[in-house]
Amino acid sequence: MGGERERLAPRTTISKINIFSDGGLGLSDMDKRRVRRAVAFDISDVLRSNVSLCLQPLERVRLAVSYVEERVPVLASCDGSWESCAALSHSLYYRQQHEARKRKRLGDDADAAPGNPEAAAEEGAGSGLPSEEQTQHDFMYQLP
């Protein structure tokens, strides 16, 4: 989004930039909290998916980036919106890792108690089978 902004993108891969620990932008603690809240909202309500940023629909990425830049004006000074994209990408990656660990933990718990019917239900939930929510989500994406 936008060009000719004052802060050029670094040469490193955007997904490897952690704006929360990088002091180059000079974000205050309040700015970091705003970014975290805006990114959390974007992932759950705008993007509505935890897949990688490059696999997201372009229009939703634009909406998410503009929302973050509106909430934290310092990020709007970054050329090509690289800083907002870095925050989104980093947070999406973290969520993917968190979900994978959670699924693995549920699978390990089910293996520990093979005779337990509740553990078998958890194993089915952790094995990647579509849940009711995922089924609804897929149906909504098919609508024109």
N, C-alpha and C. Protein backbone atom coordinates (compact mmCIF):
# COMPACT_ATOMS: atom_id res chain seq x y z
N MET A 1 0.84 -1.17 0.00
CA MET A 1 0.00 0.00 0.00
C MET A 1 0.88 1.23 0.00
N GLY A 2 0.56 2.12 -0.85
CA GLY A 2 1.28 3.39 -0.87
C GLY A 2 2.74 3.23 -1.22
N GLY A 3 3.30 4.22 -1.77
CA GLY A 3 4.71 4.23 -2.08
C GLY A 3 5.30 5.55 -1.66
N GLU A 4 6.60 5.68 -1.81
CA GLU A 4 7.26 6.94 -1.51
C GLU A 4 7.08 7.34 -0.04
N ARG A 5 7.11 6.40 0.83
CA ARG A 5 7.06 6.72 2.25
C ARG A 5 8.48 6.83 2.76
N GLU A 6 8.66 7.41 3.93
CA GLU A 6 10.01 7.73 4.40
C GLU A 6 10.84 6.55 4.87
N ARG A 7 10.24 5.49 5.37
CA ARG A 7 11.02 4.35 5.88
C ARG A 7 10.99 3.22 4.87
N LEU A 8 12.15 2.94 4.29
CA LEU A 8 12.25 1.87 3.30
C LEU A 8 12.33 0.51 3.99
N ALA A 9 11.91 -0.50 3.26
CA ALA A 9 11.93 -1.86 3.80
C ALA A 9 13.37 -2.36 3.92
N PRO A 10 13.67 -3.11 4.97
CA PRO A 10 15.00 -3.70 5.09
C PRO A 10 15.18 -4.81 4.07
N ARG A 11 16.39 -5.26 3.91
CA ARG A 11 16.68 -6.30 2.92
C ARG A 11 16.32 -7.71 3.41
N THR A 12 16.04 -7.87 4.68
CA THR A 12 15.70 -9.20 5.19
C THR A 12 14.26 -9.56 4.82
N THR A 13 13.95 -10.83 4.94
CA THR A 13 12.59 -11.31 4.67
C THR A 13 11.65 -10.72 5.71
N ILE A 14 10.51 -10.22 5.25
CA ILE A 14 9.57 -9.55 6.13
C ILE A 14 9.08 -10.47 7.24
N SER A 15 8.87 -11.75 6.93
CA SER A 15 8.35 -12.65 7.96
C SER A 15 9.34 -12.88 9.10
N LYS A 16 10.61 -12.53 8.90
CA LYS A 16 11.61 -12.73 9.94
C LYS A 16 11.82 -11.49 10.81
N ILE A 17 11.13 -10.42 10.49
CA ILE A 17 11.26 -9.19 11.26
C ILE A 17 10.27 -9.21 12.41
N ASN A 18 10.76 -9.00 13.62
CA ASN A 18 9.88 -8.92 14.78
C ASN A 18 9.85 -7.47 15.23
N ILE A 19 8.78 -6.78 14.88
CA ILE A 19 8.71 -5.36 15.20
C ILE A 19 8.56 -5.11 16.69
N PHE A 20 8.14 -6.13 17.43
CA PHE A 20 7.95 -5.95 18.86
C PHE A 20 9.27 -5.91 19.61
N SER A 21 10.31 -6.54 19.08
CA SER A 21 11.60 -6.52 19.75
C SER A 21 12.61 -5.63 19.02
N ASP A 22 12.33 -5.24 17.79
CA ASP A 22 13.23 -4.39 17.02
C ASP A 22 13.04 -2.94 17.45
N GLY A 23 14.12 -2.29 17.81
CA GLY A 23 14.04 -0.90 18.27
C GLY A 23 14.19 0.12 17.16
N GLY A 24 14.30 -0.31 15.92
CA GLY A 24 14.54 0.59 14.81
C GLY A 24 13.44 1.60 14.55
N LEU A 25 12.20 1.23 14.82
CA LEU A 25 11.09 2.16 14.60
C LEU A 25 10.85 3.09 15.77
N GLY A 26 11.35 2.73 16.91
CA GLY A 26 11.13 3.56 18.08
C GLY A 26 9.70 3.48 18.59
N LEU A 27 9.10 2.29 18.53
CA LEU A 27 7.74 2.12 19.04
C LEU A 27 7.74 2.18 20.56
N SER A 28 6.82 2.95 21.10
CA SER A 28 6.68 2.99 22.56
C SER A 28 5.95 1.73 23.02
N ASP A 29 5.93 1.52 24.32
CA ASP A 29 5.20 0.36 24.86
C ASP A 29 3.72 0.45 24.50
N MET A 30 3.17 1.66 24.52
CA MET A 30 1.76 1.84 24.17
C MET A 30 1.53 1.51 22.70
N ASP A 31 2.46 1.91 21.82
CA ASP A 31 2.35 1.58 20.40
C ASP A 31 2.39 0.07 20.18
N LYS A 32 3.27 -0.61 20.92
CA LYS A 32 3.37 -2.06 20.79
C LYS A 32 2.07 -2.73 21.23
N ARG A 33 1.46 -2.22 22.30
CA ARG A 33 0.17 -2.77 22.74
C ARG A 33 -0.91 -2.54 21.69
N ARG A 34 -0.90 -1.35 21.09
CA ARG A 34 -1.88 -1.05 20.04
C ARG A 34 -1.69 -1.97 18.84
N VAL A 35 -0.44 -2.21 18.46
CA VAL A 35 -0.16 -3.09 17.33
C VAL A 35 -0.65 -4.49 17.64
N ARG A 36 -0.36 -4.98 18.82
CA ARG A 36 -0.80 -6.34 19.20
C ARG A 36 -2.31 -6.47 19.16
N ARG A 37 -3.00 -5.47 19.70
CA ARG A 37 -4.47 -5.52 19.69
C ARG A 37 -5.01 -5.45 18.26
N ALA A 38 -4.46 -4.55 17.46
CA ALA A 38 -4.92 -4.41 16.08
C ALA A 38 -4.65 -5.67 15.27
N VAL A 39 -3.49 -6.27 15.45
CA VAL A 39 -3.15 -7.49 14.73
C VAL A 39 -4.05 -8.64 15.17
N ALA A 40 -4.31 -8.75 16.47
CA ALA A 40 -5.20 -9.81 16.95
C ALA A 40 -6.59 -9.66 16.36
N PHE A 41 -7.08 -8.42 16.31
CA PHE A 41 -8.39 -8.17 15.71
C PHE A 41 -8.36 -8.53 14.23
N ASP A 42 -7.31 -8.11 13.53
CA ASP A 42 -7.20 -8.38 12.10
C ASP A 42 -7.23 -9.87 11.80
N ILE A 43 -6.48 -10.65 12.56
CA ILE A 43 -6.41 -12.09 12.29
C ILE A 43 -7.75 -12.75 12.56
N SER A 44 -8.40 -12.39 13.66
CA SER A 44 -9.65 -13.08 14.00
C SER A 44 -10.85 -12.55 13.22
N ASP A 45 -10.91 -11.24 12.94
CA ASP A 45 -12.12 -10.68 12.34
C ASP A 45 -11.98 -10.23 10.89
N VAL A 46 -10.79 -9.89 10.45
CA VAL A 46 -10.63 -9.43 9.06
C VAL A 46 -10.11 -10.57 8.19
N LEU A 47 -8.98 -11.16 8.56
CA LEU A 47 -8.43 -12.25 7.77
C LEU A 47 -9.22 -13.54 7.98
N ARG A 48 -9.67 -13.77 9.21
CA ARG A 48 -10.47 -14.94 9.59
C ARG A 48 -9.80 -16.27 9.27
N SER A 49 -8.49 -16.28 9.27
CA SER A 49 -7.75 -17.50 8.99
C SER A 49 -6.34 -17.36 9.53
N ASN A 50 -5.75 -18.47 9.93
CA ASN A 50 -4.39 -18.45 10.45
C ASN A 50 -3.36 -18.90 9.43
N VAL A 51 -3.76 -19.02 8.16
CA VAL A 51 -2.78 -19.42 7.15
C VAL A 51 -1.80 -18.28 6.90
N SER A 52 -0.71 -18.59 6.26
CA SER A 52 0.34 -17.62 5.99
C SER A 52 -0.20 -16.37 5.30
N LEU A 53 0.44 -15.24 5.53
CA LEU A 53 -0.01 -13.98 4.98
C LEU A 53 -0.05 -14.00 3.45
N CYS A 54 0.91 -14.68 2.83
CA CYS A 54 0.95 -14.71 1.37
C CYS A 54 -0.16 -15.57 0.77
N LEU A 55 -0.82 -16.39 1.58
CA LEU A 55 -1.93 -17.22 1.11
C LEU A 55 -3.30 -16.59 1.39
N GLN A 56 -3.30 -15.45 2.02
CA GLN A 56 -4.54 -14.75 2.34
C GLN A 56 -5.06 -14.02 1.10
N PRO A 57 -6.37 -13.81 0.99
CA PRO A 57 -6.91 -13.01 -0.11
C PRO A 57 -6.37 -11.58 -0.06
N LEU A 58 -5.99 -11.07 -1.19
CA LEU A 58 -5.34 -9.76 -1.27
C LEU A 58 -6.19 -8.64 -0.67
N GLU A 59 -7.48 -8.67 -0.93
CA GLU A 59 -8.34 -7.60 -0.42
C GLU A 59 -8.39 -7.61 1.11
N ARG A 60 -8.38 -8.77 1.70
CA ARG A 60 -8.40 -8.86 3.17
C ARG A 60 -7.07 -8.39 3.76
N VAL A 61 -5.98 -8.69 3.07
CA VAL A 61 -4.67 -8.22 3.54
C VAL A 61 -4.63 -6.70 3.50
N ARG A 62 -5.14 -6.12 2.43
CA ARG A 62 -5.17 -4.65 2.34
C ARG A 62 -6.00 -4.05 3.47
N LEU A 63 -7.16 -4.63 3.74
CA LEU A 63 -8.00 -4.15 4.84
C LEU A 63 -7.27 -4.27 6.18
N ALA A 64 -6.63 -5.40 6.41
CA ALA A 64 -5.91 -5.62 7.67
C ALA A 64 -4.76 -4.62 7.83
N VAL A 65 -4.00 -4.39 6.76
CA VAL A 65 -2.88 -3.45 6.82
C VAL A 65 -3.38 -2.03 7.07
N SER A 66 -4.42 -1.63 6.39
CA SER A 66 -4.93 -0.27 6.60
C SER A 66 -5.46 -0.09 8.02
N TYR A 67 -6.06 -1.14 8.58
CA TYR A 67 -6.55 -1.06 9.96
C TYR A 67 -5.39 -0.88 10.94
N VAL A 68 -4.32 -1.66 10.77
CA VAL A 68 -3.17 -1.55 11.67
C VAL A 68 -2.53 -0.17 11.54
N GLU A 69 -2.36 0.31 10.31
CA GLU A 69 -1.73 1.61 10.10
C GLU A 69 -2.58 2.76 10.64
N GLU A 70 -3.89 2.57 10.64
CA GLU A 70 -4.78 3.59 11.19
C GLU A 70 -4.65 3.64 12.71
N ARG A 71 -4.49 2.48 13.33
CA ARG A 71 -4.38 2.42 14.79
C ARG A 71 -3.01 2.89 15.29
N VAL A 72 -1.96 2.63 14.52
CA VAL A 72 -0.60 3.02 14.93
C VAL A 72 0.02 3.81 13.77
N PRO A 73 -0.11 5.12 13.79
CA PRO A 73 0.35 5.95 12.67
C PRO A 73 1.83 5.83 12.34
N VAL A 74 2.66 5.42 13.30
CA VAL A 74 4.09 5.25 13.03
C VAL A 74 4.30 4.23 11.91
N LEU A 75 3.46 3.20 11.87
CA LEU A 75 3.59 2.16 10.86
C LEU A 75 3.21 2.67 9.46
N ALA A 76 2.41 3.72 9.40
CA ALA A 76 2.00 4.26 8.10
C ALA A 76 3.16 4.95 7.38
N SER A 77 4.26 5.19 8.08
CA SER A 77 5.41 5.84 7.44
C SER A 77 6.32 4.85 6.72
N CYS A 78 6.01 3.56 6.81
CA CYS A 78 6.85 2.51 6.21
C CYS A 78 6.45 2.28 4.76
N ASP A 79 7.41 2.36 3.86
CA ASP A 79 7.17 2.18 2.43
C ASP A 79 6.68 0.77 2.15
N GLY A 80 5.63 0.67 1.36
CA GLY A 80 5.09 -0.64 1.00
C GLY A 80 4.42 -1.36 2.16
N SER A 81 4.15 -0.65 3.22
CA SER A 81 3.50 -1.22 4.41
C SER A 81 4.25 -2.43 4.96
N TRP A 82 5.56 -2.44 4.80
CA TRP A 82 6.34 -3.60 5.20
C TRP A 82 6.25 -3.87 6.70
N GLU A 83 6.16 -2.84 7.51
CA GLU A 83 6.14 -3.05 8.95
C GLU A 83 4.82 -3.65 9.41
N SER A 84 3.71 -3.20 8.84
CA SER A 84 2.40 -3.79 9.18
C SER A 84 2.34 -5.23 8.71
N CYS A 85 2.85 -5.49 7.53
CA CYS A 85 2.88 -6.85 7.01
C CYS A 85 3.77 -7.75 7.86
N ALA A 86 4.87 -7.20 8.35
CA ALA A 86 5.76 -7.98 9.21
C ALA A 86 5.05 -8.35 10.51
N ALA A 87 4.30 -7.42 11.09
CA ALA A 87 3.57 -7.71 12.33
C ALA A 87 2.52 -8.78 12.09
N LEU A 88 1.78 -8.67 11.00
CA LEU A 88 0.76 -9.66 10.68
C LEU A 88 1.39 -11.03 10.42
N SER A 89 2.44 -11.05 9.62
CA SER A 89 3.09 -12.30 9.26
C SER A 89 3.66 -13.00 10.50
N HIS A 90 4.32 -12.24 11.34
CA HIS A 90 4.92 -12.80 12.56
C HIS A 90 3.83 -13.38 13.47
N SER A 91 2.74 -12.65 13.62
CA SER A 91 1.66 -13.12 14.50
C SER A 91 0.95 -14.34 13.92
N LEU A 92 0.78 -14.38 12.60
CA LEU A 92 0.17 -15.55 11.97
C LEU A 92 1.06 -16.77 12.16
N TYR A 93 2.36 -16.61 12.00
CA TYR A 93 3.29 -17.72 12.20
C TYR A 93 3.22 -18.22 13.64
N TYR A 94 3.18 -17.30 14.59
CA TYR A 94 3.09 -17.68 16.00
C TYR A 94 1.81 -18.48 16.26
N ARG A 95 0.69 -18.01 15.71
CA ARG A 95 -0.58 -18.72 15.90
C ARG A 95 -0.54 -20.12 15.29
N GLN A 96 0.08 -20.26 14.13
CA GLN A 96 0.18 -21.57 13.49
C GLN A 96 0.99 -22.52 14.39
N GLN A 97 2.09 -22.04 14.93
CA GLN A 97 2.92 -22.86 15.81
C GLN A 97 2.17 -23.22 17.09
N HIS A 98 1.44 -22.27 17.63
CA HIS A 98 0.68 -22.51 18.85
C HIS A 98 -0.39 -23.58 18.61
N GLU A 99 -1.10 -23.50 17.49
CA GLU A 99 -2.12 -24.50 17.18
C GLU A 99 -1.51 -25.88 16.96
N ALA A 100 -0.35 -25.93 16.31
CA ALA A 100 0.31 -27.22 16.07
C ALA A 100 0.71 -27.86 17.40
N ARG A 101 1.26 -27.07 18.33
CA ARG A 101 1.63 -27.59 19.64
C ARG A 101 0.39 -28.07 20.40
N LYS A 102 -0.69 -27.32 20.28
CA LYS A 102 -1.93 -27.69 20.97
C LYS A 102 -2.48 -29.00 20.41
N ARG A 103 -2.47 -29.17 19.08
CA ARG A 103 -2.94 -30.41 18.47
C ARG A 103 -2.05 -31.58 18.90
N LYS A 104 -0.76 -31.35 18.94
CA LYS A 104 0.17 -32.41 19.33
C LYS A 104 -0.07 -32.81 20.79
N ARG A 105 -0.26 -31.83 21.62
CA ARG A 105 -0.51 -32.10 23.04
C ARG A 105 -1.80 -32.89 23.21
N LEU A 106 -2.86 -32.54 22.49
CA LEU A 106 -4.11 -33.28 22.55
C LEU A 106 -3.92 -34.70 22.06
N GLY A 107 -3.14 -34.89 21.02
CA GLY A 107 -2.85 -36.23 20.52
C GLY A 107 -2.06 -37.04 21.50
N ASP A 108 -1.09 -36.43 22.18
CA ASP A 108 -0.29 -37.13 23.18
C ASP A 108 -1.14 -37.53 24.38
N ASP A 109 -2.06 -36.66 24.78
CA ASP A 109 -2.94 -36.98 25.90
C ASP A 109 -3.86 -38.16 25.56
N ALA A 110 -4.32 -38.22 24.32
CA ALA A 110 -5.20 -39.30 23.90
C ALA A 110 -4.44 -40.63 23.87
N ASP A 111 -3.18 -40.59 23.47
CA ASP A 111 -2.37 -41.80 23.44
C ASP A 111 -2.09 -42.32 24.85
N ALA A 112 -2.03 -41.44 25.82
CA ALA A 112 -1.72 -41.83 27.19
C ALA A 112 -2.87 -42.62 27.81
N ALA A 113 -4.10 -42.36 27.37
CA ALA A 113 -5.27 -43.06 27.94
C ALA A 113 -6.08 -43.68 26.81
N PRO A 114 -5.62 -44.82 26.23
CA PRO A 114 -6.31 -45.39 25.07
C PRO A 114 -7.70 -45.92 25.38
N GLY A 115 -8.02 -46.30 26.61
CA GLY A 115 -9.33 -46.83 26.92
C GLY A 115 -10.34 -45.76 27.28
N ASN A 116 -9.92 -44.53 27.30
CA ASN A 116 -10.78 -43.43 27.71
C ASN A 116 -11.57 -42.91 26.51
N PRO A 117 -12.91 -42.96 26.50
CA PRO A 117 -13.68 -42.48 25.35
C PRO A 117 -13.56 -40.97 25.15
N GLU A 118 -13.39 -40.21 26.23
CA GLU A 118 -13.22 -38.77 26.07
C GLU A 118 -11.90 -38.46 25.37
N ALA A 119 -10.86 -39.24 25.66
CA ALA A 119 -9.57 -39.05 25.01
C ALA A 119 -9.68 -39.36 23.53
N ALA A 120 -10.49 -40.36 23.17
CA ALA A 120 -10.68 -40.68 21.75
C ALA A 120 -11.37 -39.52 21.03
N ALA A 121 -12.31 -38.87 21.70
CA ALA A 121 -12.97 -37.70 21.09
C ALA A 121 -11.98 -36.58 20.90
N GLU A 122 -11.10 -36.37 21.89
CA GLU A 122 -10.07 -35.34 21.75
C GLU A 122 -9.12 -35.67 20.61
N GLU A 123 -8.79 -36.95 20.46
CA GLU A 123 -7.88 -37.35 19.39
C GLU A 123 -8.48 -37.01 18.03
N GLY A 124 -9.78 -37.26 17.87
CA GLY A 124 -10.44 -36.90 16.61
C GLY A 124 -10.41 -35.41 16.39
N ALA A 125 -10.55 -34.62 17.47
CA ALA A 125 -10.52 -33.16 17.31
C ALA A 125 -9.12 -32.68 16.97
N GLY A 126 -8.09 -33.37 17.47
CA GLY A 126 -6.72 -32.93 17.24
C GLY A 126 -6.12 -33.48 15.96
N SER A 127 -6.82 -34.36 15.26
CA SER A 127 -6.24 -34.99 14.08
C SER A 127 -6.45 -34.20 12.80
N GLY A 128 -7.04 -33.03 12.89
CA GLY A 128 -7.22 -32.20 11.70
C GLY A 128 -8.55 -32.42 11.01
N LEU A 129 -9.45 -33.21 11.61
CA LEU A 129 -10.77 -33.40 11.02
C LEU A 129 -11.55 -32.09 11.10
N PRO A 130 -12.37 -31.80 10.10
CA PRO A 130 -13.09 -30.52 10.13
C PRO A 130 -14.11 -30.48 11.26
N SER A 131 -14.09 -29.42 11.99
CA SER A 131 -15.05 -29.23 13.06
C SER A 131 -16.30 -28.56 12.48
N GLU A 132 -17.30 -28.39 13.29
CA GLU A 132 -18.53 -27.73 12.86
C GLU A 132 -18.22 -26.30 12.40
N GLU A 133 -17.35 -25.62 13.13
CA GLU A 133 -16.99 -24.26 12.78
C GLU A 133 -16.25 -24.21 11.44
N GLN A 134 -15.35 -25.16 11.21
CA GLN A 134 -14.62 -25.20 9.94
C GLN A 134 -15.57 -25.49 8.78
N THR A 135 -16.54 -26.36 9.01
CA THR A 135 -17.52 -26.67 7.97
C THR A 135 -18.33 -25.43 7.62
N GLN A 136 -18.74 -24.67 8.62
CA GLN A 136 -19.47 -23.43 8.38
C GLN A 136 -18.59 -22.42 7.64
N HIS A 137 -17.34 -22.34 8.06
CA HIS A 137 -16.39 -21.42 7.43
C HIS A 137 -16.21 -21.76 5.94
N ASP A 138 -16.05 -23.04 5.65
CA ASP A 138 -15.89 -23.46 4.25
C ASP A 138 -17.14 -23.15 3.44
N PHE A 139 -18.30 -23.35 4.03
CA PHE A 139 -19.55 -23.07 3.33
C PHE A 139 -19.66 -21.57 3.01
N MET A 140 -19.29 -20.73 3.94
CA MET A 140 -19.39 -19.27 3.73
C MET A 140 -18.46 -18.83 2.61
N TYR A 141 -17.32 -19.46 2.45
CA TYR A 141 -16.40 -19.09 1.39
C TYR A 141 -16.91 -19.50 0.02
N GLN A 142 -17.81 -20.45 -0.04
CA GLN A 142 -18.36 -20.88 -1.33
C GLN A 142 -19.43 -19.97 -1.84
N LEU A 143 -20.01 -19.14 -0.96
CA LEU A 143 -21.06 -18.23 -1.37
C LEU A 143 -20.52 -17.13 -2.27
N PRO A 144 -21.28 -16.71 -3.27
CA PRO A 144 -20.79 -15.64 -4.16
C PRO A 144 -20.75 -14.29 -3.50
